């Protein structure tokens, strides 16, 4: 019974010690890539583009008037 608890825990601990740094580096790289992608998307679109997209969504019925106003205010900040 002790082996059923100790061996898996020991195996997990050894794996984290051996592979932990690589997992952290991959996580950091993925986070940095996500930040770059997000910044690229927001900086490429002008406020006029953002408002036009919001208006298209409003006209198609995907969003309501309150959501349109919120998107418009964010674009103008």
N, C-alpha and C. Protein backbone atom coordinates (compact mmCIF):
# COMPACT_ATOMS: atom_id res chain seq x y z
N UNK A 1 0.83 -1.19 0.00
CA UNK A 1 0.00 0.00 0.00
C UNK A 1 0.88 1.26 0.00
N UNK A 2 1.95 1.23 0.73
CA UNK A 2 2.86 2.37 0.80
C UNK A 2 3.47 2.65 -0.57
N UNK A 3 3.83 1.61 -1.30
CA UNK A 3 4.42 1.79 -2.63
C UNK A 3 3.45 2.45 -3.61
N UNK A 4 2.16 2.19 -3.45
CA UNK A 4 1.16 2.80 -4.33
C UNK A 4 1.11 4.31 -4.16
N UNK A 5 1.47 4.78 -3.02
CA UNK A 5 1.45 6.22 -2.75
C UNK A 5 2.83 6.83 -2.96
N UNK A 6 3.86 6.19 -2.47
CA UNK A 6 5.22 6.75 -2.48
C UNK A 6 5.83 6.75 -3.87
N UNK A 7 5.72 5.66 -4.61
CA UNK A 7 6.38 5.55 -5.91
C UNK A 7 5.84 6.58 -6.91
N UNK A 8 4.52 6.75 -7.08
CA UNK A 8 4.06 7.78 -8.02
C UNK A 8 4.47 9.19 -7.59
N UNK A 9 4.42 9.46 -6.30
CA UNK A 9 4.83 10.78 -5.82
C UNK A 9 6.32 11.01 -6.07
N UNK A 10 7.12 9.99 -5.82
CA UNK A 10 8.56 10.09 -6.06
C UNK A 10 8.85 10.27 -7.55
N UNK A 11 8.14 9.53 -8.39
CA UNK A 11 8.32 9.65 -9.83
C UNK A 11 7.96 11.06 -10.31
N UNK A 12 6.87 11.60 -9.83
CA UNK A 12 6.46 12.95 -10.21
C UNK A 12 7.50 13.98 -9.76
N UNK A 13 8.02 13.82 -8.56
CA UNK A 13 9.03 14.74 -8.04
C UNK A 13 10.30 14.69 -8.89
N UNK A 14 10.76 13.50 -9.23
CA UNK A 14 11.95 13.36 -10.07
C UNK A 14 11.71 13.99 -11.44
N UNK A 15 10.55 13.76 -12.01
CA UNK A 15 10.24 14.34 -13.32
C UNK A 15 10.28 15.87 -13.26
N UNK A 16 9.69 16.46 -12.23
CA UNK A 16 9.70 17.92 -12.11
C UNK A 16 11.11 18.47 -11.92
N UNK A 17 11.93 17.78 -11.18
CA UNK A 17 13.31 18.23 -10.99
C UNK A 17 14.07 18.17 -12.30
N UNK A 18 13.92 17.08 -13.04
CA UNK A 18 14.67 16.89 -14.28
C UNK A 18 14.12 17.77 -15.40
N UNK A 19 12.82 17.84 -15.56
CA UNK A 19 12.20 18.54 -16.69
C UNK A 19 11.61 19.90 -16.34
N UNK A 20 11.64 20.29 -15.10
CA UNK A 20 10.98 21.51 -14.66
C UNK A 20 11.45 22.77 -15.35
N UNK A 21 12.75 22.91 -15.53
CA UNK A 21 13.29 24.12 -16.16
C UNK A 21 12.79 24.26 -17.60
N UNK A 22 12.78 23.15 -18.33
CA UNK A 22 12.31 23.17 -19.71
C UNK A 22 10.84 23.55 -19.80
N UNK A 23 10.03 23.03 -18.86
CA UNK A 23 8.60 23.37 -18.85
C UNK A 23 8.42 24.86 -18.58
N UNK A 24 9.20 25.41 -17.66
CA UNK A 24 9.10 26.82 -17.33
C UNK A 24 9.51 27.68 -18.52
N UNK A 25 10.58 27.29 -19.20
CA UNK A 25 11.04 28.06 -20.37
C UNK A 25 10.00 28.04 -21.48
N UNK A 26 9.39 26.89 -21.74
CA UNK A 26 8.35 26.81 -22.77
C UNK A 26 7.15 27.65 -22.38
N UNK A 27 6.80 27.64 -21.11
CA UNK A 27 5.69 28.46 -20.64
C UNK A 27 5.97 29.95 -20.81
N UNK A 28 7.19 30.36 -20.49
CA UNK A 28 7.59 31.76 -20.67
C UNK A 28 7.57 32.17 -22.14
N UNK A 29 8.06 31.27 -23.00
CA UNK A 29 8.06 31.56 -24.43
C UNK A 29 6.64 31.69 -24.97
N UNK A 30 5.75 30.81 -24.54
CA UNK A 30 4.36 30.88 -24.99
C UNK A 30 3.68 32.15 -24.50
N UNK A 31 3.96 32.54 -23.27
CA UNK A 31 3.37 33.77 -22.73
C UNK A 31 3.89 34.99 -23.49
N UNK A 32 5.19 35.02 -23.77
CA UNK A 32 5.76 36.15 -24.51
C UNK A 32 5.18 36.22 -25.92
N UNK A 33 5.01 35.07 -26.57
CA UNK A 33 4.42 35.03 -27.91
C UNK A 33 2.98 35.53 -27.88
N UNK A 34 2.24 35.14 -26.87
CA UNK A 34 0.84 35.58 -26.75
C UNK A 34 0.77 37.09 -26.54
N UNK A 35 1.68 37.64 -25.72
CA UNK A 35 1.71 39.09 -25.51
C UNK A 35 2.03 39.82 -26.81
N UNK A 36 3.03 39.32 -27.56
CA UNK A 36 3.40 39.96 -28.83
C UNK A 36 2.23 39.92 -29.82
N UNK A 37 1.56 38.77 -29.88
CA UNK A 37 0.42 38.65 -30.79
C UNK A 37 -0.69 39.60 -30.41
N UNK A 38 -0.97 39.71 -29.12
CA UNK A 38 -2.02 40.61 -28.66
C UNK A 38 -1.66 42.06 -28.93
N UNK A 39 -0.44 42.44 -28.66
CA UNK A 39 -0.01 43.82 -28.90
C UNK A 39 -0.02 44.14 -30.38
N UNK A 40 0.36 43.18 -31.19
CA UNK A 40 0.36 43.39 -32.64
C UNK A 40 -1.05 43.61 -33.16
N UNK A 41 -2.00 42.86 -32.67
CA UNK A 41 -3.38 43.01 -33.12
C UNK A 41 -3.95 44.36 -32.71
N UNK A 42 -3.70 44.76 -31.48
CA UNK A 42 -4.29 46.01 -31.02
C UNK A 42 -3.60 47.23 -31.62
N UNK A 43 -2.32 47.13 -31.94
CA UNK A 43 -1.63 48.29 -32.47
C UNK A 43 -1.83 48.45 -33.98
N UNK A 44 -2.18 47.36 -34.68
CA UNK A 44 -2.36 47.45 -36.13
C UNK A 44 -3.68 48.10 -36.50
N UNK A 45 -4.65 47.97 -35.64
CA UNK A 45 -5.97 48.49 -35.96
C UNK A 45 -6.14 49.89 -35.40
N UNK A 46 -6.57 50.80 -36.23
CA UNK A 46 -6.80 52.16 -35.80
C UNK A 46 -8.16 52.23 -35.11
N UNK A 47 -8.40 53.29 -34.36
CA UNK A 47 -9.72 53.45 -33.74
C UNK A 47 -10.85 53.44 -34.76
N UNK A 48 -10.60 53.98 -35.94
CA UNK A 48 -11.63 53.99 -36.98
C UNK A 48 -11.95 52.56 -37.41
N UNK A 49 -10.92 51.73 -37.56
CA UNK A 49 -11.14 50.33 -37.91
C UNK A 49 -11.93 49.60 -36.84
N UNK A 50 -11.56 49.85 -35.59
CA UNK A 50 -12.25 49.19 -34.48
C UNK A 50 -13.72 49.60 -34.42
N UNK A 51 -14.01 50.88 -34.61
CA UNK A 51 -15.39 51.35 -34.59
C UNK A 51 -16.16 50.79 -35.77
N UNK A 52 -15.54 50.72 -36.92
CA UNK A 52 -16.21 50.16 -38.10
C UNK A 52 -16.54 48.69 -37.89
N UNK A 53 -15.62 47.95 -37.28
CA UNK A 53 -15.88 46.55 -36.99
C UNK A 53 -17.01 46.41 -35.99
N UNK A 54 -17.01 47.26 -34.98
CA UNK A 54 -18.09 47.23 -33.98
C UNK A 54 -19.43 47.56 -34.63
N UNK A 55 -19.43 48.52 -35.56
CA UNK A 55 -20.67 48.89 -36.24
C UNK A 55 -21.18 47.74 -37.11
N UNK A 56 -20.26 47.04 -37.76
CA UNK A 56 -20.64 45.88 -38.56
C UNK A 56 -21.27 44.80 -37.68
N UNK A 57 -20.67 44.59 -36.50
CA UNK A 57 -21.24 43.61 -35.56
C UNK A 57 -22.62 44.04 -35.08
N UNK A 58 -22.79 45.34 -34.84
CA UNK A 58 -24.09 45.85 -34.42
C UNK A 58 -25.13 45.67 -35.52
N UNK A 59 -24.75 46.00 -36.74
CA UNK A 59 -25.69 45.87 -37.86
C UNK A 59 -26.07 44.42 -38.13
N UNK A 60 -25.14 43.50 -37.86
CA UNK A 60 -25.44 42.09 -38.10
C UNK A 60 -26.23 41.46 -36.96
N UNK A 61 -26.34 42.17 -35.85
CA UNK A 61 -27.08 41.66 -34.70
C UNK A 61 -26.24 40.85 -33.73
N UNK A 62 -24.94 40.81 -33.95
CA UNK A 62 -24.06 40.03 -33.07
C UNK A 62 -23.91 40.68 -31.70
N UNK A 63 -24.00 42.00 -31.65
CA UNK A 63 -23.92 42.73 -30.38
C UNK A 63 -25.09 43.70 -30.30
N UNK A 64 -25.37 44.18 -29.09
CA UNK A 64 -26.45 45.16 -28.94
C UNK A 64 -25.87 46.57 -28.84
N UNK A 65 -26.73 47.53 -28.68
CA UNK A 65 -26.32 48.94 -28.68
C UNK A 65 -25.37 49.26 -27.53
N UNK A 66 -25.62 48.68 -26.36
CA UNK A 66 -24.75 48.94 -25.20
C UNK A 66 -23.35 48.40 -25.45
N UNK A 67 -23.24 47.21 -26.02
CA UNK A 67 -21.92 46.65 -26.33
C UNK A 67 -21.21 47.49 -27.38
N UNK A 68 -21.98 47.99 -28.35
CA UNK A 68 -21.39 48.86 -29.38
C UNK A 68 -20.80 50.11 -28.75
N UNK A 69 -21.56 50.74 -27.85
CA UNK A 69 -21.06 51.95 -27.18
C UNK A 69 -19.80 51.65 -26.38
N UNK A 70 -19.76 50.49 -25.71
CA UNK A 70 -18.59 50.11 -24.93
C UNK A 70 -17.37 49.94 -25.83
N UNK A 71 -17.54 49.24 -26.96
CA UNK A 71 -16.43 49.04 -27.90
C UNK A 71 -15.97 50.37 -28.49
N UNK A 72 -16.91 51.25 -28.77
CA UNK A 72 -16.57 52.55 -29.33
C UNK A 72 -15.76 53.38 -28.32
N UNK A 73 -16.19 53.35 -27.04
CA UNK A 73 -15.45 54.09 -26.01
C UNK A 73 -14.02 53.55 -25.85
N UNK A 74 -13.87 52.22 -25.89
CA UNK A 74 -12.53 51.63 -25.78
C UNK A 74 -11.65 52.03 -26.95
N UNK A 75 -12.22 52.09 -28.13
CA UNK A 75 -11.45 52.44 -29.32
C UNK A 75 -10.98 53.88 -29.26
N UNK A 76 -11.76 54.73 -28.65
CA UNK A 76 -11.43 56.16 -28.60
C UNK A 76 -10.48 56.51 -27.46
N UNK A 77 -10.18 55.57 -26.60
CA UNK A 77 -9.23 55.86 -25.50
C UNK A 77 -7.83 55.86 -25.98
